[in-house]
């Protein structure tokens, strides 16, 4: 994949009675590009989340990374593991479905204002759950979610009052899901349930399982990064956005 030169910056978006910061990356060359909302992990606006946003933009897209924790901890940037993980999980549990939809909708309005040729979303882990739910409620042309958890249970507020998988019939675009076979958070049964739900509702989809991949395999700079598998994933993302 040939990367294009990009520009980056921040925007403030009005969401109800609040203001949400969002990191934006887009091709430097003027043109017609798809728009992509990026859903971050429990670590908030960590450098790796911004790097993923830049990588999506370098594919030839307008990418916007909203601060999903802005109501409780604006621009939170949490360290991996330990206290950062516990804080991130606590912040995740403050997210409600209406608030998340308002956040993503504000980003879609921003992308429309930038004349994006299509509206899409790519989410990572908890942000993957957000992306899947958003696809059931909003007009997304394509959605990719990396190792999204809690879709088949009610363990977090975002998956209540019924598991998010039950909203699958509302999806109107394409779905691409990535999982690691070594991921203890998402088992075979959960992946099978997702396959069955997507197939039963005739939703164009692909579920990619890398048997030797752990959770979080796509981000460099971590012990669980798997470069070859990550590059294969990015190739698939480029294909999805290029359709």
Foldseek 3Di string as FASTA:
>chain_A
DQFADKDKDWDWFDQPPDIWIKIKMAHPDDDAAAEEEEFEALQFPAPLSNVVQNLVRRLGYIYIYIRQLCVPDHRHGFDPDDPSVVNSVVSQQVDAPVSLLSRVVRSVVVVVVVVHPFYEYEYAACRLLSRLLNQLPDPHQEYEYENHAQQQHPPGNHCPPHRSLVSNLSHDHEYEYEEELAEPRAHPVNVVSSVVSCVVNVHHYDYHYHDHAYGPQQGPPDPRHDVVVNVVVSVVVSVRRVD
